[in-house]
Amino acid sequence: MTTQIDPATTTALLPEVYARQQMLELIEDAMRDVPFCECGAPMTVDADGDTLWLECPTFTEPSTGRLAWLRGGIRAALHQRSVLVRGDAIAA
């Protein structure tokens, strides 16, 4: 006995599958193009809210204390961080 596949349900899933495939290709391409930060650390992919970042791992380290704003500014100047995806739109 064979079961029939409803074409309406299979085509509804295709855009999500293509979006995931496109997202995976985008991440792989970004990590291939920029594998290391200028400081020498390997780049990582991190999600923050609705944004997907390609960044130096120093951005995940907490910045606390009285001079946290200074360390945050130095971190932004010396290390690389770029947006891959924000919301559902791919960053160019």
PDB file of N, CA and C in Angstrom:
ATOM      1  N   MET A   1       0.834  -1.165   0.000  1.00  0.00           N
ATOM      2  CA  MET A   1       0.000   0.000   0.000  1.00  0.00           C
ATOM      3  C   MET A   1       0.890   1.242   0.000  1.00  0.00           C
ATOM      4  N   THR A   2       0.612   2.178  -0.858  1.00  0.00           N
ATOM      5  CA  THR A   2       1.398   3.414  -0.936  1.00  0.00           C
ATOM      6  C   THR A   2       0.564   4.568  -0.410  1.00  0.00           C
ATOM      7  N   THR A   3       1.239   5.504   0.202  1.00  0.00           N
ATOM      8  CA  THR A   3       0.553   6.700   0.683  1.00  0.00           C
ATOM      9  C   THR A   3       0.822   7.837  -0.275  1.00  0.00           C
ATOM     10  N   GLN A   4      -0.185   8.620  -0.471  1.00  0.00           N
ATOM     11  CA  GLN A   4      -0.069   9.762  -1.369  1.00  0.00           C
ATOM     12  C   GLN A   4       0.478  10.952  -0.601  1.00  0.00           C
ATOM     13  N   ILE A   5       1.377  11.673  -1.226  1.00  0.00           N
ATOM     14  CA  ILE A   5       1.940  12.883  -0.628  1.00  0.00           C
ATOM     15  C   ILE A   5       1.163  14.071  -1.154  1.00  0.00           C
ATOM     16  N   ASP A   6       0.698  14.868  -0.241  1.00  0.00           N
ATOM     17  CA  ASP A   6      -0.048  16.066  -0.607  1.00  0.00           C
ATOM     18  C   ASP A   6       0.936  17.132  -1.086  1.00  0.00           C
ATOM     19  N   PRO A   7       0.859  17.564  -2.356  1.00  0.00           N
ATOM     20  CA  PRO A   7       1.805  18.557  -2.857  1.00  0.00           C
ATOM     21  C   PRO A   7       1.701  19.906  -2.148  1.00  0.00           C
ATOM     22  N   ALA A   8       0.559  20.221  -1.595  1.00  0.00           N
ATOM     23  CA  ALA A   8       0.395  21.505  -0.900  1.00  0.00           C
ATOM     24  C   ALA A   8       1.260  21.557   0.353  1.00  0.00           C
ATOM     25  N   THR A   9       1.401  20.428   1.057  1.00  0.00           N
ATOM     26  CA  THR A   9       2.214  20.434   2.275  1.00  0.00           C
ATOM     27  C   THR A   9       3.702  20.396   1.957  1.00  0.00           C
ATOM     28  N   THR A  10       4.108  19.727   0.894  1.00  0.00           N
ATOM     29  CA  THR A  10       5.532  19.654   0.578  1.00  0.00           C
ATOM     30  C   THR A  10       6.053  20.968   0.022  1.00  0.00           C
ATOM     31  N   THR A  11       5.281  21.671  -0.776  1.00  0.00           N
ATOM     32  CA  THR A  11       5.751  22.947  -1.317  1.00  0.00           C
ATOM     33  C   THR A  11       5.787  24.022  -0.249  1.00  0.00           C
ATOM     34  N   ALA A  12       4.977  23.893   0.791  1.00  0.00           N
ATOM     35  CA  ALA A  12       4.999  24.871   1.870  1.00  0.00           C
ATOM     36  C   ALA A  12       6.302  24.766   2.661  1.00  0.00           C
ATOM     37  N   LEU A  13       6.924  23.596   2.697  1.00  0.00           N
ATOM     38  CA  LEU A  13       8.162  23.412   3.434  1.00  0.00           C
ATOM     39  C   LEU A  13       9.389  23.834   2.635  1.00  0.00           C
ATOM     40  N   LEU A  14       9.300  23.882   1.328  1.00  0.00           N
ATOM     41  CA  LEU A  14      10.462  24.168   0.507  1.00  0.00           C
ATOM     42  C   LEU A  14      11.094  25.528   0.772  1.00  0.00           C
ATOM     43  N   PRO A  15      10.365  26.635   0.895  1.00  0.00           N
ATOM     44  CA  PRO A  15      11.032  27.913   1.157  1.00  0.00           C
ATOM     45  C   PRO A  15      11.851  27.908   2.444  1.00  0.00           C
ATOM     46  N   GLU A  16      11.362  27.239   3.492  1.00  0.00           N
ATOM     47  CA  GLU A  16      12.113  27.175   4.750  1.00  0.00           C
ATOM     48  C   GLU A  16      13.394  26.367   4.565  1.00  0.00           C
ATOM     49  N   VAL A  17      13.314  25.273   3.818  1.00  0.00           N
ATOM     50  CA  VAL A  17      14.497  24.453   3.562  1.00  0.00           C
ATOM     51  C   VAL A  17      15.516  25.260   2.763  1.00  0.00           C
ATOM     52  N   TYR A  18      15.057  25.984   1.743  1.00  0.00           N
ATOM     53  CA  TYR A  18      15.967  26.812   0.951  1.00  0.00           C
ATOM     54  C   TYR A  18      16.568  27.934   1.789  1.00  0.00           C
ATOM     55  N   ALA A  19      15.786  28.517   2.680  1.00  0.00           N
ATOM     56  CA  ALA A  19      16.292  29.582   3.539  1.00  0.00           C
ATOM     57  C   ALA A  19      17.372  29.048   4.473  1.00  0.00           C
ATOM     58  N   ARG A  20      17.176  27.872   5.019  1.00  0.00           N
ATOM     59  CA  ARG A  20      18.191  27.278   5.899  1.00  0.00           C
ATOM     60  C   ARG A  20      19.455  26.944   5.116  1.00  0.00           C
ATOM     61  N   GLN A  21      19.289  26.423   3.916  1.00  0.00           N
ATOM     62  CA  GLN A  21      20.437  26.096   3.075  1.00  0.00           C
ATOM     63  C   GLN A  21      21.203  27.365   2.712  1.00  0.00           C
ATOM     64  N   GLN A  22      20.483  28.424   2.381  1.00  0.00           N
ATOM     65  CA  GLN A  22      21.109  29.695   2.043  1.00  0.00           C
ATOM     66  C   GLN A  22      21.851  30.264   3.254  1.00  0.00           C
ATOM     67  N   MET A  23      21.262  30.151   4.433  1.00  0.00           N
ATOM     68  CA  MET A  23      21.889  30.632   5.660  1.00  0.00           C
ATOM     69  C   MET A  23      23.172  29.858   5.937  1.00  0.00           C
ATOM     70  N   LEU A  24      23.141  28.549   5.782  1.00  0.00           N
ATOM     71  CA  LEU A  24      24.319  27.720   6.007  1.00  0.00           C
ATOM     72  C   LEU A  24      25.425  28.078   5.021  1.00  0.00           C
ATOM     73  N   GLU A  25      25.072  28.275   3.760  1.00  0.00           N
ATOM     74  CA  GLU A  25      26.066  28.668   2.759  1.00  0.00           C
ATOM     75  C   GLU A  25      26.654  30.040   3.073  1.00  0.00           C
ATOM     76  N   LEU A  26      25.837  30.955   3.552  1.00  0.00           N
ATOM     77  CA  LEU A  26      26.303  32.281   3.917  1.00  0.00           C
ATOM     78  C   LEU A  26      27.315  32.209   5.056  1.00  0.00           C
ATOM     79  N   ILE A  27      27.032  31.421   6.071  1.00  0.00           N
ATOM     80  CA  ILE A  27      27.937  31.259   7.214  1.00  0.00           C
ATOM     81  C   ILE A  27      29.246  30.613   6.768  1.00  0.00           C
ATOM     82  N   GLU A  28      29.159  29.555   5.970  1.00  0.00           N
ATOM     83  CA  GLU A  28      30.369  28.879   5.505  1.00  0.00           C
ATOM     84  C   GLU A  28      31.228  29.811   4.654  1.00  0.00           C
ATOM     85  N   ASP A  29      30.600  30.593   3.764  1.00  0.00           N
ATOM     86  CA  ASP A  29      31.350  31.530   2.933  1.00  0.00           C
ATOM     87  C   ASP A  29      32.026  32.605   3.771  1.00  0.00           C
ATOM     88  N   ALA A  30      31.318  33.137   4.767  1.00  0.00           N
ATOM     89  CA  ALA A  30      31.881  34.183   5.620  1.00  0.00           C
ATOM     90  C   ALA A  30      33.063  33.652   6.418  1.00  0.00           C
ATOM     91  N   MET A  31      32.953  32.438   6.937  1.00  0.00           N
ATOM     92  CA  MET A  31      34.047  31.872   7.723  1.00  0.00           C
ATOM     93  C   MET A  31      35.228  31.478   6.835  1.00  0.00           C
ATOM     94  N   ARG A  32      34.967  31.185   5.589  1.00  0.00           N
ATOM     95  CA  ARG A  32      36.055  30.880   4.653  1.00  0.00           C
ATOM     96  C   ARG A  32      36.775  32.165   4.235  1.00  0.00           C
ATOM     97  N   ASP A  33      36.013  33.250   4.050  1.00  0.00           N
ATOM     98  CA  ASP A  33      36.598  34.527   3.631  1.00  0.00           C
ATOM     99  C   ASP A  33      37.389  35.191   4.750  1.00  0.00           C
ATOM    100  N   VAL A  34      36.875  35.141   5.985  1.00  0.00           N
ATOM    101  CA  VAL A  34      37.529  35.779   7.139  1.00  0.00           C
ATOM    102  C   VAL A  34      37.650  34.741   8.255  1.00  0.00           C
ATOM    103  N   PRO A  35      38.635  33.838   8.165  1.00  0.00           N
ATOM    104  CA  PRO A  35      38.728  32.789   9.185  1.00  0.00           C
ATOM    105  C   PRO A  35      39.313  33.269  10.511  1.00  0.00           C
ATOM    106  N   PHE A  36      40.086  34.373  10.484  1.00  0.00           N
ATOM    107  CA  PHE A  36      40.739  34.852  11.701  1.00  0.00           C
ATOM    108  C   PHE A  36      40.545  36.353  11.864  1.00  0.00           C
ATOM    109  N   CYS A  37      40.459  36.782  13.113  1.00  0.00           N
ATOM    110  CA  CYS A  37      40.431  38.203  13.452  1.00  0.00           C
ATOM    111  C   CYS A  37      41.846  38.760  13.266  1.00  0.00           C
ATOM    112  N   GLU A  38      41.969  40.052  13.233  1.00  0.00           N
ATOM    113  CA  GLU A  38      43.290  40.664  13.110  1.00  0.00           C
ATOM    114  C   GLU A  38      44.175  40.363  14.320  1.00  0.00           C
ATOM    115  N   CYS A  39      43.568  40.022  15.451  1.00  0.00           N
ATOM    116  CA  CYS A  39      44.354  39.671  16.646  1.00  0.00           C
ATOM    117  C   CYS A  39      44.871  38.236  16.578  1.00  0.00           C
ATOM    118  N   GLY A  40      44.404  37.446  15.599  1.00  0.00           N
ATOM    119  CA  GLY A  40      44.857  36.071  15.433  1.00  0.00           C
ATOM    120  C   GLY A  40      43.890  35.021  15.929  1.00  0.00           C
ATOM    121  N   ALA A  41      42.823  35.430  16.608  1.00  0.00           N
ATOM    122  CA  ALA A  41      41.832  34.470  17.117  1.00  0.00           C
ATOM    123  C   ALA A  41      40.923  34.001  15.984  1.00  0.00           C
ATOM    124  N   PRO A  42      40.509  32.742  16.004  1.00  0.00           N
ATOM    125  CA  PRO A  42      39.586  32.259  14.969  1.00  0.00           C
ATOM    126  C   PRO A  42      38.215  32.910  15.140  1.00  0.00           C
ATOM    127  N   MET A  43      37.607  33.304  14.028  1.00  0.00           N
ATOM    128  CA  MET A  43      36.291  33.937  14.051  1.00  0.00           C
ATOM    129  C   MET A  43      35.227  32.908  14.414  1.00  0.00           C
ATOM    130  N   THR A  44      34.182  33.367  15.080  1.00  0.00           N
ATOM    131  CA  THR A  44      33.069  32.512  15.474  1.00  0.00           C
ATOM    132  C   THR A  44      31.765  33.141  15.001  1.00  0.00           C
ATOM    133  N   VAL A  45      30.723  32.337  14.965  1.00  0.00           N
ATOM    134  CA  VAL A  45      29.385  32.821  14.637  1.00  0.00           C
ATOM    135  C   VAL A  45      28.593  32.845  15.930  1.00  0.00           C
ATOM    136  N   ASP A  46      27.945  33.977  16.198  1.00  0.00           N
ATOM    137  CA  ASP A  46      27.198  34.139  17.438  1.00  0.00           C
ATOM    138  C   ASP A  46      25.869  34.810  17.131  1.00  0.00           C
ATOM    139  N   ALA A  47      24.836  34.437  17.846  1.00  0.00           N
ATOM    140  CA  ALA A  47      23.514  35.047  17.699  1.00  0.00           C
ATOM    141  C   ALA A  47      23.249  35.941  18.891  1.00  0.00           C
ATOM    142  N   ASP A  48      22.727  37.126  18.615  1.00  0.00           N
ATOM    143  CA  ASP A  48      22.364  38.077  19.663  1.00  0.00           C
ATOM    144  C   ASP A  48      21.014  38.675  19.277  1.00  0.00           C
ATOM    145  N   GLY A  49      19.952  38.204  19.944  1.00  0.00           N
ATOM    146  CA  GLY A  49      18.613  38.657  19.579  1.00  0.00           C
ATOM    147  C   GLY A  49      18.247  38.134  18.201  1.00  0.00           C
ATOM    148  N   ASP A  50      17.935  39.030  17.267  1.00  0.00           N
ATOM    149  CA  ASP A  50      17.578  38.623  15.910  1.00  0.00           C
ATOM    150  C   ASP A  50      18.730  38.825  14.933  1.00  0.00           C
ATOM    151  N   THR A  51      19.956  38.952  15.455  1.00  0.00           N
ATOM    152  CA  THR A  51      21.121  39.213  14.620  1.00  0.00           C
ATOM    153  C   THR A  51      22.124  38.077  14.726  1.00  0.00           C
ATOM    154  N   LEU A  52      22.660  37.669  13.586  1.00  0.00           N
ATOM    155  CA  LEU A  52      23.689  36.651  13.516  1.00  0.00           C
ATOM    156  C   LEU A  52      24.996  37.354  13.155  1.00  0.00           C
ATOM    157  N   TRP A  53      26.018  37.205  14.007  1.00  0.00           N
ATOM    158  CA  TRP A  53      27.291  37.908  13.855  1.00  0.00           C
ATOM    159  C   TRP A  53      28.410  36.949  13.503  1.00  0.00           C
ATOM    160  N   LEU A  54      29.345  37.401  12.687  1.00  0.00           N
ATOM    161  CA  LEU A  54      30.638  36.764  12.523  1.00  0.00           C
ATOM    162  C   LEU A  54      31.595  37.645  13.308  1.00  0.00           C
ATOM    163  N   GLU A  55      32.183  37.102  14.378  1.00  0.00           N
ATOM    164  CA  GLU A  55      32.929  37.972  15.285  1.00  0.00           C
ATOM    165  C   GLU A  55      34.115  37.271  15.922  1.00  0.00           C
ATOM    166  N   CYS A  56      35.000  38.105  16.454  1.00  0.00           N
ATOM    167  CA  CYS A  56      36.118  37.630  17.256  1.00  0.00           C
ATOM    168  C   CYS A  56      35.557  37.144  18.594  1.00  0.00           C
ATOM    169  N   PRO A  57      36.077  36.071  19.162  1.00  0.00           N
ATOM    170  CA  PRO A  57      35.543  35.561  20.427  1.00  0.00           C
ATOM    171  C   PRO A  57      35.668  36.541  21.590  1.00  0.00           C
ATOM    172  N   THR A  58      36.475  37.586  21.474  1.00  0.00           N
ATOM    173  CA  THR A  58      36.586  38.551  22.568  1.00  0.00           C
ATOM    174  C   THR A  58      35.287  39.310  22.785  1.00  0.00           C
ATOM    175  N   PHE A  59      34.403  39.348  21.791  1.00  0.00           N
ATOM    176  CA  PHE A  59      33.129  40.037  21.954  1.00  0.00           C
ATOM    177  C   PHE A  59      32.185  39.289  22.895  1.00  0.00           C
ATOM    178  N   THR A  60      32.432  37.998  23.115  1.00  0.00           N
ATOM    179  CA  THR A  60      31.576  37.226  24.023  1.00  0.00           C
ATOM    180  C   THR A  60      32.047  37.316  25.465  1.00  0.00           C
ATOM    181  N   GLU A  61      33.241  37.855  25.683  1.00  0.00           N
ATOM    182  CA  GLU A  61      33.737  38.016  27.050  1.00  0.00           C
ATOM    183  C   GLU A  61      33.035  39.195  27.708  1.00  0.00           C
ATOM    184  N   PRO A  62      32.596  39.039  28.950  1.00  0.00           N
ATOM    185  CA  PRO A  62      31.894  40.140  29.615  1.00  0.00           C
ATOM    186  C   PRO A  62      32.833  41.317  29.888  1.00  0.00           C
ATOM    187  N   SER A  63      32.278  42.507  29.779  1.00  0.00           N
ATOM    188  CA  SER A  63      33.038  43.720  30.056  1.00  0.00           C
ATOM    189  C   SER A  63      32.368  44.421  31.228  1.00  0.00           C
ATOM    190  N   THR A  64      32.938  44.269  32.423  1.00  0.00           N
ATOM    191  CA  THR A  64      32.344  44.832  33.627  1.00  0.00           C
ATOM    192  C   THR A  64      33.349  45.725  34.333  1.00  0.00           C
ATOM    193  N   GLY A  65      32.861  46.468  35.271  1.00  0.00           N
ATOM    194  CA  GLY A  65      33.732  47.329  36.059  1.00  0.00           C
ATOM    195  C   GLY A  65      33.575  48.790  35.691  1.00  0.00           C
ATOM    196  N   ARG A  66      34.380  49.610  36.338  1.00  0.00           N
ATOM    197  CA  ARG A  66      34.263  51.055  36.132  1.00  0.00           C
ATOM    198  C   ARG A  66      34.707  51.497  34.746  1.00  0.00           C
ATOM    199  N   LEU A  67      35.619  50.774  34.144  1.00  0.00           N
ATOM    200  CA  LEU A  67      36.125  51.158  32.823  1.00  0.00           C
ATOM    201  C   LEU A  67      35.580  50.263  31.708  1.00  0.00           C
ATOM    202  N   ALA A  68      34.412  49.676  31.919  1.00  0.00           N
ATOM    203  CA  ALA A  68      33.826  48.773  30.926  1.00  0.00           C
ATOM    204  C   ALA A  68      33.582  49.488  29.604  1.00  0.00           C
ATOM    205  N   TRP A  69      33.151  50.736  29.655  1.00  0.00           N
ATOM    206  CA  TRP A  69      32.894  51.483  28.421  1.00  0.00           C
ATOM    207  C   TRP A  69      34.186  51.674  27.627  1.00  0.00           C
ATOM    208  N   LEU A  70      35.304  51.855  28.308  1.00  0.00           N
ATOM    209  CA  LEU A  70      36.592  52.020  27.634  1.00  0.00           C
ATOM    210  C   LEU A  70      37.050  50.713  27.006  1.00  0.00           C
ATOM    211  N   ARG A  71      36.917  49.631  27.764  1.00  0.00           N
ATOM    212  CA  ARG A  71      37.281  48.326  27.215  1.00  0.00           C
ATOM    213  C   ARG A  71      36.406  47.970  26.031  1.00  0.00           C
ATOM    214  N   GLY A  72      35.118  48.314  26.096  1.00  0.00           N
ATOM    215  CA  GLY A  72      34.217  48.041  24.977  1.00  0.00           C
ATOM    216  C   GLY A  72      34.616  48.813  23.730  1.00  0.00           C
ATOM    217  N   GLY A  73      35.039  50.063  23.898  1.00  0.00           N
ATOM    218  CA  GLY A  73      35.485  50.864  22.758  1.00  0.00           C
ATOM    219  C   GLY A  73      36.775  50.348  22.160  1.00  0.00           C
ATOM    220  N   ILE A  74      37.704  49.940  23.018  1.00  0.00           N
ATOM    221  CA  ILE A  74      38.962  49.380  22.533  1.00  0.00           C
ATOM    222  C   ILE A  74      38.711  48.060  21.823  1.00  0.00           C
ATOM    223  N   ARG A  75      37.821  47.261  22.388  1.00  0.00           N
ATOM    224  CA  ARG A  75      37.473  45.973  21.776  1.00  0.00           C
ATOM    225  C   ARG A  75      36.901  46.174  20.377  1.00  0.00           C
ATOM    226  N   ALA A  76      36.016  47.144  20.231  1.00  0.00           N
ATOM    227  CA  ALA A  76      35.402  47.414  18.925  1.00  0.00           C
ATOM    228  C   ALA A  76      36.426  47.921  17.920  1.00  0.00           C
ATOM    229  N   ALA A  77      37.446  48.630  18.386  1.00  0.00           N
ATOM    230  CA  ALA A  77      38.458  49.180  17.485  1.00  0.00           C
ATOM    231  C   ALA A  77      39.497  48.134  17.071  1.00  0.00           C
ATOM    232  N   LEU A  78      39.811  47.197  17.950  1.00  0.00           N
ATOM    233  CA  LEU A  78      40.896  46.259  17.688  1.00  0.00           C
ATOM    234  C   LEU A  78      40.453  44.908  17.145  1.00  0.00           C
ATOM    235  N   HIS A  79      39.188  44.575  17.283  1.00  0.00           N
ATOM    236  CA  HIS A  79      38.709  43.253  16.878  1.00  0.00           C
ATOM    237  C   HIS A  79      37.614  43.392  15.833  1.00  0.00           C
ATOM    238  N   GLN A  80      37.445  42.339  15.037  1.00  0.00           N
ATOM    239  CA  GLN A  80      36.484  42.359  13.940  1.00  0.00           C
ATOM    240  C   GLN A  80      35.142  41.779  14.358  1.00  0.00           C
ATOM    241  N   ARG A  81      34.083  42.416  13.851  1.00  0.00           N
ATOM    242  CA  ARG A  81      32.721  41.940  14.071  1.00  0.00           C
ATOM    243  C   ARG A  81      31.863  42.441  12.916  1.00  0.00           C
ATOM    244  N   SER A  82      31.144  41.531  12.263  1.00  0.00           N
ATOM    245  CA  SER A  82      30.282  41.942  11.159  1.00  0.00           C
ATOM    246  C   SER A  82      28.955  41.194  11.210  1.00  0.00           C
ATOM    247  N   VAL A  83      27.916  41.848  10.753  1.00  0.00           N
ATOM    248  CA  VAL A  83      26.567  41.274  10.732  1.00  0.00           C
ATOM    249  C   VAL A  83      26.437  40.347   9.530  1.00  0.00           C
ATOM    250  N   LEU A  84      25.984  39.121   9.784  1.00  0.00           N
ATOM    251  CA  LEU A  84      25.676  38.191   8.695  1.00  0.00           C
ATOM    252  C   LEU A  84      24.189  38.289   8.336  1.00  0.00           C
ATOM    253  N   VAL A  85      23.341  38.218   9.369  1.00  0.00           N
ATOM    254  CA  VAL A  85      21.894  38.245   9.153  1.00  0.00           C
ATOM    255  C   VAL A  85      21.260  39.048  10.268  1.00  0.00           C
ATOM    256  N   ARG A  86      20.336  39.917   9.913  1.00  0.00           N
ATOM    257  CA  ARG A  86      19.581  40.663  10.912  1.00  0.00           C
ATOM    258  C   ARG A  86      18.092  40.426  10.615  1.00  0.00           C
ATOM    259  N   GLY A  87      17.383  39.920  11.611  1.00  0.00           N
ATOM    260  CA  GLY A  87      15.980  39.549  11.391  1.00  0.00           C
ATOM    261  C   GLY A  87      15.942  38.393  10.405  1.00  0.00           C
ATOM    262  N   ASP A  88      15.231  38.550   9.324  1.00  0.00           N
ATOM    263  CA  ASP A  88      15.204  37.540   8.273  1.00  0.00           C
ATOM    264  C   ASP A  88      15.936  38.004   7.030  1.00  0.00           C
ATOM    265  N   ALA A  89      16.545  39.186   7.075  1.00  0.00           N
ATOM    266  CA  ALA A  89      17.223  39.724   5.903  1.00  0.00           C
ATOM    267  C   ALA A  89      18.717  39.444   5.981  1.00  0.00           C
ATOM    268  N   ILE A  90      19.267  39.042   4.878  1.00  0.00           N
ATOM    269  CA  ILE A  90      20.693  38.775   4.815  1.00  0.00           C
ATOM    270  C   ILE A  90      21.429  40.089   4.623  1.00  0.00           C
ATOM    271  N   ALA A  91      22.432  40.335   5.446  1.00  0.00           N
ATOM    272  CA  ALA A  91      23.204  41.582   5.370  1.00  0.00           C
ATOM    273  C   ALA A  91      24.141  41.502   4.168  1.00  0.00           C
ATOM    274  N   ALA A  92      24.233  42.605   3.474  1.00  0.00           N
ATOM    275  CA  ALA A  92      25.107  42.643   2.295  1.00  0.00           C
ATOM    276  C   ALA A  92      26.483  43.131   2.668  1.00  0.00           C
TER     277      ALA A  92
END
